[in-house]
């Protein structure tokens, strides 16, 4: 269904919100502990009304050089000498400031991405929780002693790389920034982070809110396009490690660029995640899990449950329930607490999703609900797409194979366990998968047999900082989150100390 707010009121709400966030910041880049402006700028657009929110500096390679120099200076002069306990305390100091600005950051995230305000607030809190996790565990880092001979003391040290480059996407701006910054800083690195040009505002703001806490140059945010800033960052010969979240095609370019400098990379890329509904599943749980996994954040999620594979014996009932669920979402102004689905974040993504919907119909899939934009004229200026469900989908169709990144669900059926696993794995991606069943034996066997880095059972999520996050196959290499990510931001050194016989 559609909200009943008037378009004039929606626009007025967003004009007030824009004024509010512009009063909080000029939204410049953040380099060497201060705001950094450029002559050339670009606009970030409010996806609800299609109007600019503010202008953002359009940096180039020279600003990347400046930021990298500042990061190395901060590392060499101060940051490399800090202890884990000191870094932990500074992170907690930053977290306390961020907690004082939750409402402000939530509004910024809402109008920059189109997320409903309740989701934006949850993601701001999730980002702060992620930083708190790394502020806590960075103190537990340790090397190990290796037993050899009595005349040899052999041990390992964990050391930071120095300056790391980080690139985050537009679909979860503040949360993704926390995923990158928390472990990198906790492990002892300084950072140069490029947020997406489509939604950079919360990343800029949290960097500004670190002023006076971290030494100048420890955190740097350089804004601009992927070709002008992202390329310069990944190709930079003084950036020792790269962490990238985004599309497969760009991830491949990042990996090639980093290879020129033999810089290690962490890549969290795309997904086409299956959700298998076994015949014994609790269908209410299954429907809610799939809906959460494809309609949350308007489907702009890397691990979205975009392919539902349903046992033929429960297909009909599942479809009926799922259509009802899809049609229950409230499309409207994301600033309204009653809204449960906002617009897509960018006009180009809106056009992409609509093209996939047309492709699904032309390939012969059955459109069960959605597929268009709301009739309500209040929403005509925004990039809204109705929750969309296709049935009778074959696994060779484009909508079943390619990442749509929108609120589009495909459904096909299976008759045996082996067929379900084969369909689930018949994709180049391997980020996530879901299982709906009440049988423990199916849970553990399917979790082992599905080729994906994340397995959700009877639910979508939660995503917790305690667990590694990352995919198999084309979905990337390395991990975000968990204790494992600290290893990706550190190098291991082995130290051999030969001991003479003790003599007095």
Protein backbone atom coordinates (compact mmCIF):
# COMPACT_ATOMS: atom_id res chain seq x y z
CA UNK A 1 0.00 0.00 0.00
CA UNK A 2 1.00 3.65 -0.34
CA UNK A 3 1.26 6.37 2.29
CA UNK A 4 -1.31 9.15 2.22
CA UNK A 5 1.01 12.11 2.74
CA UNK A 6 0.65 14.96 0.27
CA UNK A 7 3.47 15.62 -2.19
CA UNK A 8 3.72 19.25 -1.07
CA UNK A 9 4.13 18.13 2.53
CA UNK A 10 6.72 15.52 1.54
CA UNK A 11 8.76 18.13 -0.30
CA UNK A 12 8.45 20.55 2.60
CA UNK A 13 9.59 17.84 5.02
CA UNK A 14 12.64 17.15 2.91
CA UNK A 15 13.50 20.82 2.46
CA UNK A 16 13.50 21.19 6.25
CA UNK A 17 15.59 18.05 6.63
CA UNK A 18 18.08 19.33 4.05
CA UNK A 19 18.41 22.63 5.90
CA UNK A 20 18.89 20.74 9.14
CA UNK A 21 21.73 18.57 7.83
CA UNK A 22 23.40 21.45 5.98
CA UNK A 23 23.48 23.37 9.26
CA UNK A 24 25.47 20.51 10.78
CA UNK A 25 28.21 20.44 8.16
CA UNK A 26 29.49 21.79 4.85
CA UNK A 27 30.19 18.16 3.87
CA UNK A 28 33.70 18.67 2.60
CA UNK A 29 36.33 15.98 2.38
CA UNK A 30 38.29 15.29 5.57
CA UNK A 31 42.06 15.25 5.13
CA UNK A 32 44.77 15.57 7.77
CA UNK A 33 42.32 16.41 10.54
CA UNK A 34 40.51 19.25 8.77
CA UNK A 35 37.84 19.99 6.19
CA UNK A 36 39.10 20.00 2.62
CA UNK A 37 37.26 21.72 -0.25
CA UNK A 38 37.86 21.70 -4.00
CA UNK A 39 36.85 24.01 -6.84
CA UNK A 40 34.96 21.26 -8.64
CA UNK A 41 32.00 19.67 -6.89
CA UNK A 42 29.20 17.21 -7.50
CA UNK A 43 25.69 16.99 -6.09
CA UNK A 44 24.24 14.30 -3.89
CA UNK A 45 20.55 13.83 -4.66
CA UNK A 46 17.55 13.23 -2.39
CA UNK A 47 15.98 10.10 -3.95
CA UNK A 48 12.49 10.92 -2.63
CA UNK A 49 12.03 14.20 -4.48
CA UNK A 50 14.89 14.06 -7.00
CA UNK A 51 16.47 17.32 -5.84
CA UNK A 52 20.03 18.08 -4.69
CA UNK A 53 20.77 17.92 -0.98
CA UNK A 54 24.16 19.62 -1.10
CA UNK A 55 27.40 19.76 -3.06
CA UNK A 56 30.38 17.54 -2.30
CA UNK A 57 34.05 18.15 -3.22
CA UNK A 58 35.11 16.35 -6.39
CA UNK A 59 38.61 15.25 -5.53
CA UNK A 60 41.23 13.85 -7.87
CA UNK A 61 44.53 12.02 -7.59
CA UNK A 62 46.30 15.04 -6.05
CA UNK A 63 43.90 14.93 -3.08
CA UNK A 64 44.53 11.20 -2.75
CA UNK A 65 48.27 11.96 -2.67
CA UNK A 66 47.68 14.60 0.01
CA UNK A 67 45.61 12.21 2.10
CA UNK A 68 48.11 9.35 1.76
CA UNK A 69 50.97 11.67 2.76
CA UNK A 70 48.97 12.82 5.79
CA UNK A 71 48.14 9.24 6.75
CA UNK A 72 51.79 8.17 6.58
CA UNK A 73 52.88 11.19 8.59
CA UNK A 74 50.32 10.38 11.26
CA UNK A 75 51.36 6.74 11.29
CA UNK A 76 55.10 7.42 11.47
CA UNK A 77 54.95 10.24 13.99
CA UNK A 78 52.23 9.08 16.39
CA UNK A 79 49.86 6.27 15.52
CA UNK A 80 52.44 3.50 15.14
CA UNK A 81 53.56 4.17 18.73
CA UNK A 82 50.10 3.76 20.26
CA UNK A 83 49.29 0.65 22.24
CA UNK A 84 46.13 -1.40 21.67
CA UNK A 85 44.76 -0.04 24.95
CA UNK A 86 45.34 3.54 23.80
CA UNK A 87 43.69 2.90 20.44
CA UNK A 88 40.79 1.25 22.21
CA UNK A 89 40.23 4.28 24.43
CA UNK A 90 40.36 6.69 21.48
CA UNK A 91 37.83 4.58 19.59
CA UNK A 92 35.53 4.62 22.63
CA UNK A 93 35.94 8.40 22.88
CA UNK A 94 34.83 8.69 19.24
CA UNK A 95 31.93 6.32 19.85
CA UNK A 96 30.64 8.49 22.70
CA UNK A 97 30.56 11.50 20.38
CA UNK A 98 28.78 9.51 17.69
CA UNK A 99 26.17 8.35 20.20
CA UNK A 100 25.38 11.98 20.94
CA UNK A 101 24.63 12.48 17.22
CA UNK A 102 22.50 9.39 16.45
CA UNK A 103 19.40 11.38 15.50
CA UNK A 104 21.39 13.73 13.27
CA UNK A 105 23.22 10.88 11.53
CA UNK A 106 19.95 8.98 11.05
CA UNK A 107 18.35 11.91 9.21
CA UNK A 108 21.44 12.35 7.04
CA UNK A 109 21.44 8.66 6.12
CA UNK A 110 17.70 8.74 5.48
CA UNK A 111 17.68 11.60 2.99
CA UNK A 112 20.95 10.60 1.30
CA UNK A 113 19.91 6.99 0.61
CA UNK A 114 16.11 6.94 0.81
CA UNK A 115 16.08 4.42 3.65
CA UNK A 116 13.09 4.62 6.01
CA UNK A 117 14.14 6.55 9.09
CA UNK A 118 13.67 3.50 11.32
CA UNK A 119 16.10 1.50 9.16
CA UNK A 120 18.55 4.40 8.97
CA UNK A 121 18.53 4.72 12.75
CA UNK A 122 19.11 0.99 13.16
CA UNK A 123 22.07 1.14 10.79
CA UNK A 124 23.60 4.13 12.58
CA UNK A 125 23.31 2.20 15.84
CA UNK A 126 24.73 -0.88 14.11
CA UNK A 127 27.71 1.12 12.88
CA UNK A 128 28.39 2.43 16.39
CA UNK A 129 28.06 -1.10 17.76
CA UNK A 130 30.58 -2.33 15.20
CA UNK A 131 33.09 0.32 16.23
CA UNK A 132 32.52 -0.58 19.88
CA UNK A 133 33.23 -4.23 19.12
CA UNK A 134 36.62 -3.41 17.60
CA UNK A 135 37.39 -0.92 20.35
CA UNK A 136 36.94 -3.85 22.74
CA UNK A 137 38.71 -6.68 20.95
CA UNK A 138 41.70 -4.71 19.68
CA UNK A 139 43.13 -4.96 23.19
CA UNK A 140 43.16 -8.76 22.97
CA UNK A 141 45.52 -8.93 20.01
CA UNK A 142 48.61 -10.97 20.67
CA UNK A 143 51.42 -12.86 19.05
CA UNK A 144 52.34 -16.38 20.02
CA UNK A 145 55.37 -18.26 21.20
CA UNK A 146 56.39 -21.28 19.13
CA UNK A 147 58.03 -24.15 20.94
CA UNK A 148 61.23 -25.31 19.23
CA UNK A 149 64.51 -26.03 21.02
CA UNK A 150 65.83 -24.84 24.36
CA UNK A 151 68.46 -22.67 22.66
CA UNK A 152 65.91 -20.84 20.49
CA UNK A 153 63.18 -18.43 21.48
CA UNK A 154 60.75 -18.14 18.54
CA UNK A 155 57.73 -15.88 18.60
CA UNK A 156 55.43 -13.93 16.27
CA UNK A 157 54.41 -10.28 16.22
CA UNK A 158 51.31 -8.75 14.67
CA UNK A 159 52.07 -5.44 12.98
CA UNK A 160 49.86 -3.02 11.01
CA UNK A 161 50.45 -2.36 7.32
CA UNK A 162 50.64 1.39 7.81
CA UNK A 163 48.33 3.22 5.41
CA UNK A 164 45.33 1.29 4.09
CA UNK A 165 42.91 2.32 1.35
CA UNK A 166 39.20 1.64 1.79
CA UNK A 167 36.28 2.00 -0.62
CA UNK A 168 32.68 1.72 0.54
CA UNK A 169 29.35 1.39 -1.34
CA UNK A 170 26.26 3.59 -1.41
CA UNK A 171 23.76 1.06 -0.08
CA UNK A 172 25.01 0.97 3.55
CA UNK A 173 27.23 4.06 3.83
CA UNK A 174 27.70 4.49 7.57
CA UNK A 175 27.62 0.82 8.43
CA UNK A 176 30.14 -0.08 5.72
CA UNK A 177 32.41 2.73 6.87
CA UNK A 178 32.36 1.31 10.40
CA UNK A 179 33.12 -2.19 9.04
CA UNK A 180 36.26 -0.74 7.43
CA UNK A 181 37.40 1.84 9.98
CA UNK A 182 36.87 -0.15 13.18
CA UNK A 183 39.24 -3.05 12.50
CA UNK A 184 41.74 -0.98 10.49
CA UNK A 185 42.20 1.57 13.27
CA UNK A 186 42.04 -1.04 16.01
CA UNK A 187 44.80 -3.01 14.28
CA UNK A 188 47.00 0.09 14.24
CA UNK A 189 46.67 1.39 10.68
CA UNK A 190 45.83 4.84 9.41
CA UNK A 191 43.24 5.08 6.66
CA UNK A 192 42.23 6.83 3.48
CA UNK A 193 38.58 6.03 2.81
CA UNK A 194 36.60 6.83 -0.34
CA UNK A 195 32.83 6.73 0.19
CA UNK A 196 30.48 6.30 -2.75
CA UNK A 197 29.76 9.52 -4.62
CA UNK A 198 26.08 8.55 -4.51
CA UNK A 199 25.78 8.68 -0.69
CA UNK A 200 28.87 10.12 1.02
CA UNK A 201 27.32 12.31 3.69
CA UNK A 202 27.31 10.18 6.85
CA UNK A 203 30.87 9.02 6.20
CA UNK A 204 32.02 12.63 5.96
CA UNK A 205 30.12 13.54 9.11
CA UNK A 206 31.51 10.75 11.29
CA UNK A 207 35.03 11.69 10.20
CA UNK A 208 34.34 15.29 11.24
CA UNK A 209 33.10 14.02 14.60
CA UNK A 210 36.51 12.43 15.19
CA UNK A 211 38.09 15.89 15.32
CA UNK A 212 40.26 16.32 18.38
CA UNK A 213 40.15 12.61 19.19
CA UNK A 214 42.50 10.93 16.72
CA UNK A 215 45.77 12.54 15.70
CA UNK A 216 45.46 14.53 12.47
CA UNK A 217 45.77 12.26 9.45
CA UNK A 218 44.71 9.01 11.13
CA UNK A 219 41.28 9.13 9.45
CA UNK A 220 40.96 10.65 5.97
CA UNK A 221 37.84 10.73 3.77
CA UNK A 222 38.38 11.66 0.14
CA UNK A 223 35.21 12.22 -1.88
CA UNK A 224 34.77 11.87 -5.61
CA UNK A 225 34.12 9.40 -8.38
CA UNK A 226 35.42 5.88 -8.64
CA UNK A 227 37.49 6.64 -11.72
CA UNK A 228 39.07 9.80 -10.30
CA UNK A 229 39.52 8.88 -6.64
CA UNK A 230 38.95 5.13 -6.38
CA UNK A 231 41.40 4.42 -9.18
CA UNK A 232 44.06 6.72 -7.74
CA UNK A 233 43.67 5.08 -4.33
CA UNK A 234 43.90 1.48 -5.52
CA UNK A 235 46.85 2.25 -7.80
CA UNK A 236 48.77 4.26 -5.21
CA UNK A 237 52.22 2.83 -4.56
CA UNK A 238 52.21 3.94 -0.89
CA UNK A 239 48.91 2.30 0.02
CA UNK A 240 49.85 -1.02 1.60
CA UNK A 241 46.43 -2.74 1.71
CA UNK A 242 43.05 -2.25 -0.04
CA UNK A 243 39.57 -3.15 1.22
CA UNK A 244 36.73 -2.74 -1.28
CA UNK A 245 32.99 -3.34 -1.16
CA UNK A 246 31.06 -3.03 -4.41
CA UNK A 247 30.34 -4.70 -7.72
CA UNK A 248 32.19 -7.66 -9.22
CA UNK A 249 33.32 -5.70 -12.27
CA UNK A 250 34.86 -2.90 -10.21
CA UNK A 251 36.29 -5.41 -7.73
CA UNK A 252 38.18 -7.07 -10.56
CA UNK A 253 39.70 -3.72 -11.52
CA UNK A 254 40.64 -3.04 -7.91
CA UNK A 255 42.37 -6.39 -7.66
CA UNK A 256 44.34 -5.80 -10.87
CA UNK A 257 45.39 -2.33 -9.77
CA UNK A 258 46.49 -3.53 -6.33
CA UNK A 259 48.47 -6.35 -7.93
CA UNK A 260 50.77 -3.80 -9.56
CA UNK A 261 51.99 -2.86 -6.07
CA UNK A 262 51.58 -6.36 -4.60
CA UNK A 263 49.08 -4.88 -2.15
CA UNK A 264 46.75 -7.42 -0.50
CA UNK A 265 43.03 -6.91 -1.07
CA UNK A 266 39.79 -7.74 0.68
CA UNK A 267 36.84 -7.79 -1.70
CA UNK A 268 33.17 -8.01 -0.70
CA UNK A 269 31.32 -8.11 -4.01
CA UNK A 270 27.93 -9.03 -5.39
CA UNK A 271 25.44 -11.76 -4.62
CA UNK A 272 22.46 -13.67 -5.94
CA UNK A 273 21.52 -15.39 -2.74
CA UNK A 274 19.11 -18.35 -2.72
CA UNK A 275 16.61 -19.14 0.01
CA UNK A 276 15.49 -22.78 0.05
CA UNK A 277 12.05 -23.54 1.49
CA UNK A 278 11.96 -27.24 2.39
CA UNK A 279 8.61 -29.07 2.65
CA UNK A 280 8.62 -29.14 6.45
CA UNK A 281 9.30 -25.40 6.79
CA UNK A 282 7.27 -23.10 9.00
CA UNK A 283 5.85 -21.02 6.14
CA UNK A 284 5.19 -17.96 8.26
CA UNK A 285 8.85 -17.87 9.27
CA UNK A 286 9.92 -18.55 5.68
CA UNK A 287 7.77 -15.79 4.21
CA UNK A 288 9.00 -13.26 6.75
CA UNK A 289 12.63 -14.28 6.22
CA UNK A 290 12.42 -13.96 2.44
CA UNK A 291 10.56 -10.64 2.66
CA UNK A 292 13.13 -9.24 5.07
CA UNK A 293 15.90 -10.50 2.82
CA UNK A 294 14.62 -8.92 -0.39
CA UNK A 295 12.52 -5.90 0.63
CA UNK A 296 14.64 -4.48 3.47
CA UNK A 297 16.48 -1.40 2.21
CA UNK A 298 14.42 -1.66 -1.00
CA UNK A 299 16.39 -4.75 -1.97
CA UNK A 300 19.65 -2.82 -2.32
CA UNK A 301 21.53 -5.42 -0.29
CA UNK A 302 24.55 -7.49 -1.35
CA UNK A 303 23.25 -10.62 0.37
CA UNK A 304 19.58 -10.11 -0.57
CA UNK A 305 17.45 -13.26 -0.77
CA UNK A 306 16.68 -12.61 -4.43
CA UNK A 307 16.08 -16.27 -5.42
CA UNK A 308 13.49 -18.31 -3.53
CA UNK A 309 13.61 -22.05 -4.26
CA UNK A 310 10.44 -23.67 -2.92
CA UNK A 311 9.55 -27.35 -2.62
CA UNK A 312 6.74 -28.16 -5.04
CA UNK A 313 4.48 -29.49 -2.25
CA UNK A 314 4.31 -26.09 -0.49
CA UNK A 315 4.76 -23.83 -3.50
CA UNK A 316 1.13 -22.72 -3.79
CA UNK A 317 0.68 -21.83 -0.14
CA UNK A 318 4.04 -20.10 0.04
CA UNK A 319 3.24 -17.97 -3.02
CA UNK A 320 -0.14 -16.91 -1.66
CA UNK A 321 1.37 -15.90 1.67
CA UNK A 322 4.31 -14.14 0.07
CA UNK A 323 2.16 -12.03 -2.26
CA UNK A 324 0.13 -10.88 0.73
CA UNK A 325 3.34 -10.00 2.56
CA UNK A 326 4.79 -8.12 -0.42
CA UNK A 327 1.63 -6.06 -0.81
CA UNK A 328 1.65 -5.11 2.88
CA UNK A 329 4.67 -2.78 2.61
CA UNK A 330 4.02 0.93 3.01
CA UNK A 331 5.78 2.97 0.34
CA UNK A 332 6.14 6.59 1.29
CA UNK A 333 8.27 9.37 2.71
CA UNK A 334 11.25 7.76 4.48
CA UNK A 335 11.13 10.52 7.10
CA UNK A 336 7.74 9.14 8.17
CA UNK A 337 8.08 6.48 10.89
CA UNK A 338 5.16 4.58 9.30
CA UNK A 339 7.00 4.06 6.00
CA UNK A 340 8.43 0.55 5.56
CA UNK A 341 9.88 0.94 2.06
CA UNK A 342 11.52 3.98 0.52
CA UNK A 343 12.81 4.66 -2.97
CA UNK A 344 15.88 3.25 -4.62
CA UNK A 345 18.92 5.37 -3.87
CA UNK A 346 19.81 6.54 -7.38
CA UNK A 347 18.02 7.24 -10.63
CA UNK A 348 20.38 4.93 -12.51
CA UNK A 349 19.54 2.08 -10.13
CA UNK A 350 15.83 2.76 -10.62
CA UNK A 351 16.31 2.47 -14.39
CA UNK A 352 18.30 -0.74 -13.95
CA UNK A 353 15.64 -2.37 -11.78
CA UNK A 354 12.84 -1.40 -14.18
CA UNK A 355 14.84 -2.86 -17.07
CA UNK A 356 15.18 -6.17 -15.21
CA UNK A 357 11.45 -6.25 -14.54
CA UNK A 358 10.80 -5.82 -18.26
CA UNK A 359 13.34 -8.57 -18.99
CA UNK A 360 11.61 -10.94 -16.58
CA UNK A 361 8.28 -10.49 -18.33
CA UNK A 362 9.79 -10.84 -21.80
CA UNK A 363 11.59 -14.06 -20.81
CA UNK A 364 8.31 -15.67 -19.77
CA UNK A 365 8.33 -15.42 -15.97
CA UNK A 366 4.94 -14.78 -14.38
CA UNK A 367 4.62 -11.38 -12.70
CA UNK A 368 2.49 -11.99 -9.60
CA UNK A 369 2.53 -8.54 -8.02
CA UNK A 370 4.30 -5.20 -8.30
CA UNK A 371 6.45 -4.45 -11.29
CA UNK A 372 5.74 -0.76 -11.46
CA UNK A 373 5.75 2.48 -9.55
CA UNK A 374 3.06 3.60 -7.08
CA UNK A 375 0.04 5.35 -8.60
CA UNK A 376 0.07 7.94 -5.83
CA UNK A 377 1.16 11.25 -7.35
CA UNK A 378 2.83 12.14 -4.04
CA UNK A 379 5.62 9.70 -4.90
CA UNK A 380 6.05 10.39 -8.61
CA UNK A 381 9.20 12.50 -8.21
CA UNK A 382 11.02 9.76 -6.30
CA UNK A 383 12.68 6.56 -7.48
CA UNK A 384 10.08 4.21 -6.03
CA UNK A 385 9.52 0.63 -7.22
CA UNK A 386 6.77 -1.58 -5.87
CA UNK A 387 7.69 -4.87 -4.18
CA UNK A 388 7.83 -7.22 -7.16
CA UNK A 389 7.40 -11.00 -7.30
CA UNK A 390 8.01 -13.32 -10.26
CA UNK A 391 6.95 -16.97 -10.35
CA UNK A 392 7.68 -19.72 -12.91
CA UNK A 393 11.30 -18.60 -13.08
CA UNK A 394 13.92 -20.76 -14.75
CA UNK A 395 17.50 -20.61 -13.54
CA UNK A 396 18.82 -19.53 -16.94
CA UNK A 397 16.74 -16.34 -17.01
CA UNK A 398 18.53 -13.03 -16.48
CA UNK A 399 16.42 -12.21 -13.44
CA UNK A 400 17.58 -15.47 -11.86
CA UNK A 401 21.26 -15.09 -12.71
CA UNK A 402 22.15 -11.40 -12.54
CA UNK A 403 22.21 -9.20 -9.46
CA UNK A 404 19.22 -6.84 -9.73
CA UNK A 405 19.81 -4.87 -6.51
CA UNK A 406 16.19 -3.95 -6.04
CA UNK A 407 12.91 -5.25 -4.53
CA UNK A 408 12.47 -8.06 -7.06
CA UNK A 409 11.91 -11.64 -5.92
CA UNK A 410 12.09 -14.71 -8.17
CA UNK A 411 10.49 -18.05 -7.29
CA UNK A 412 11.12 -21.50 -8.73
CA UNK A 413 10.50 -25.00 -7.43
CA UNK A 414 12.34 -28.22 -6.62
CA UNK A 415 11.34 -31.78 -5.86
CA UNK A 416 14.39 -33.31 -4.11
CA UNK A 417 17.13 -32.24 -1.72
CA UNK A 418 19.82 -32.72 -4.38
CA UNK A 419 17.90 -30.60 -6.87
CA UNK A 420 17.52 -27.81 -4.31
CA UNK A 421 21.26 -27.73 -3.63
CA UNK A 422 22.06 -27.86 -7.34
CA UNK A 423 19.78 -24.90 -8.04
CA UNK A 424 21.16 -22.95 -5.10
CA UNK A 425 24.75 -23.44 -6.26
CA UNK A 426 24.02 -22.78 -9.94
CA UNK A 427 25.32 -19.22 -9.81
CA UNK A 428 28.64 -17.43 -10.11
CA UNK A 429 28.01 -15.84 -6.71
CA UNK A 430 28.41 -17.26 -3.23
CA UNK A 431 27.80 -14.54 -0.70
CA UNK A 432 24.82 -15.80 1.31
CA UNK A 433 21.99 -18.33 1.37
CA UNK A 434 18.99 -19.15 3.51
CA UNK A 435 17.34 -22.37 4.65
CA UNK A 436 13.78 -22.81 5.91
CA UNK A 437 13.30 -26.14 7.68
CA UNK A 438 12.47 -27.55 11.10
CA UNK A 439 14.82 -30.53 10.71
CA UNK A 440 18.28 -30.24 12.21
CA UNK A 441 19.74 -32.79 9.80
CA UNK A 442 18.65 -30.68 6.82
CA UNK A 443 20.04 -27.50 8.41
CA UNK A 444 23.53 -28.88 8.91
CA UNK A 445 23.75 -30.81 5.66
CA UNK A 446 22.46 -27.90 3.58
CA UNK A 447 24.74 -25.46 5.38
CA UNK A 448 27.67 -27.67 4.40
CA UNK A 449 26.52 -28.28 0.83
CA UNK A 450 25.63 -24.72 -0.19
CA UNK A 451 28.53 -22.73 -1.65
CA UNK A 452 28.19 -19.47 0.25
CA UNK A 453 30.00 -17.61 2.99
CA UNK A 454 26.88 -16.90 5.06
CA UNK A 455 24.01 -19.26 5.86
CA UNK A 456 20.85 -17.96 7.54
CA UNK A 457 18.42 -20.47 9.06
CA UNK A 458 14.70 -19.57 9.16
CA UNK A 459 15.55 -15.87 9.32
CA UNK A 460 17.30 -13.10 7.44
CA UNK A 461 20.16 -11.89 9.62
CA UNK A 462 21.07 -10.58 12.03
CA UNK A 463 24.49 -9.43 10.84
CA UNK A 464 26.72 -9.17 13.90
CA UNK A 465 30.27 -7.82 14.12
CA UNK A 466 31.33 -10.96 16.01
CA UNK A 467 31.02 -13.17 12.88
CA UNK A 468 33.14 -13.03 9.71
CA UNK A 469 31.26 -11.64 6.71
CA UNK A 470 32.27 -12.47 3.16
CA UNK A 471 31.53 -14.70 0.21
CA UNK A 472 32.79 -17.49 -2.01
CA UNK A 473 33.37 -17.56 -5.77
CA UNK A 474 32.70 -14.22 -7.51
CA UNK A 475 31.34 -12.74 -4.30
CA UNK A 476 34.82 -11.88 -3.13
CA UNK A 477 37.87 -12.83 -1.11
CA UNK A 478 38.75 -12.20 2.50
CA UNK A 479 36.38 -11.20 5.26
CA UNK A 480 34.89 -8.18 6.91
CA UNK A 481 33.84 -8.38 10.56
CA UNK A 482 34.76 -10.94 13.20
CA UNK A 483 38.17 -11.31 14.76
CA UNK A 484 39.37 -12.69 11.44
CA UNK A 485 39.32 -9.24 9.81
CA UNK A 486 42.04 -8.02 12.18
CA UNK A 487 44.37 -10.49 10.49
CA UNK A 488 43.59 -8.84 7.14
CA UNK A 489 44.76 -5.50 8.53
CA UNK A 490 47.98 -6.84 10.05
CA UNK A 491 51.15 -8.59 8.97
CA UNK A 492 52.73 -11.44 10.90
CA UNK A 493 56.43 -11.28 11.69
CA UNK A 494 58.40 -14.26 13.01
CA UNK A 495 61.25 -13.43 15.37
CA UNK A 496 64.06 -15.97 15.97
CA UNK A 497 66.20 -15.32 19.06
CA UNK A 498 69.10 -17.73 19.43
CA UNK A 499 70.10 -18.27 23.06
CA UNK A 500 73.56 -19.03 24.33
CA UNK A 501 74.18 -21.11 27.40
CA UNK A 502 73.80 -18.94 30.48
CA UNK A 503 77.12 -17.86 31.89
CA UNK A 504 77.88 -15.65 34.88
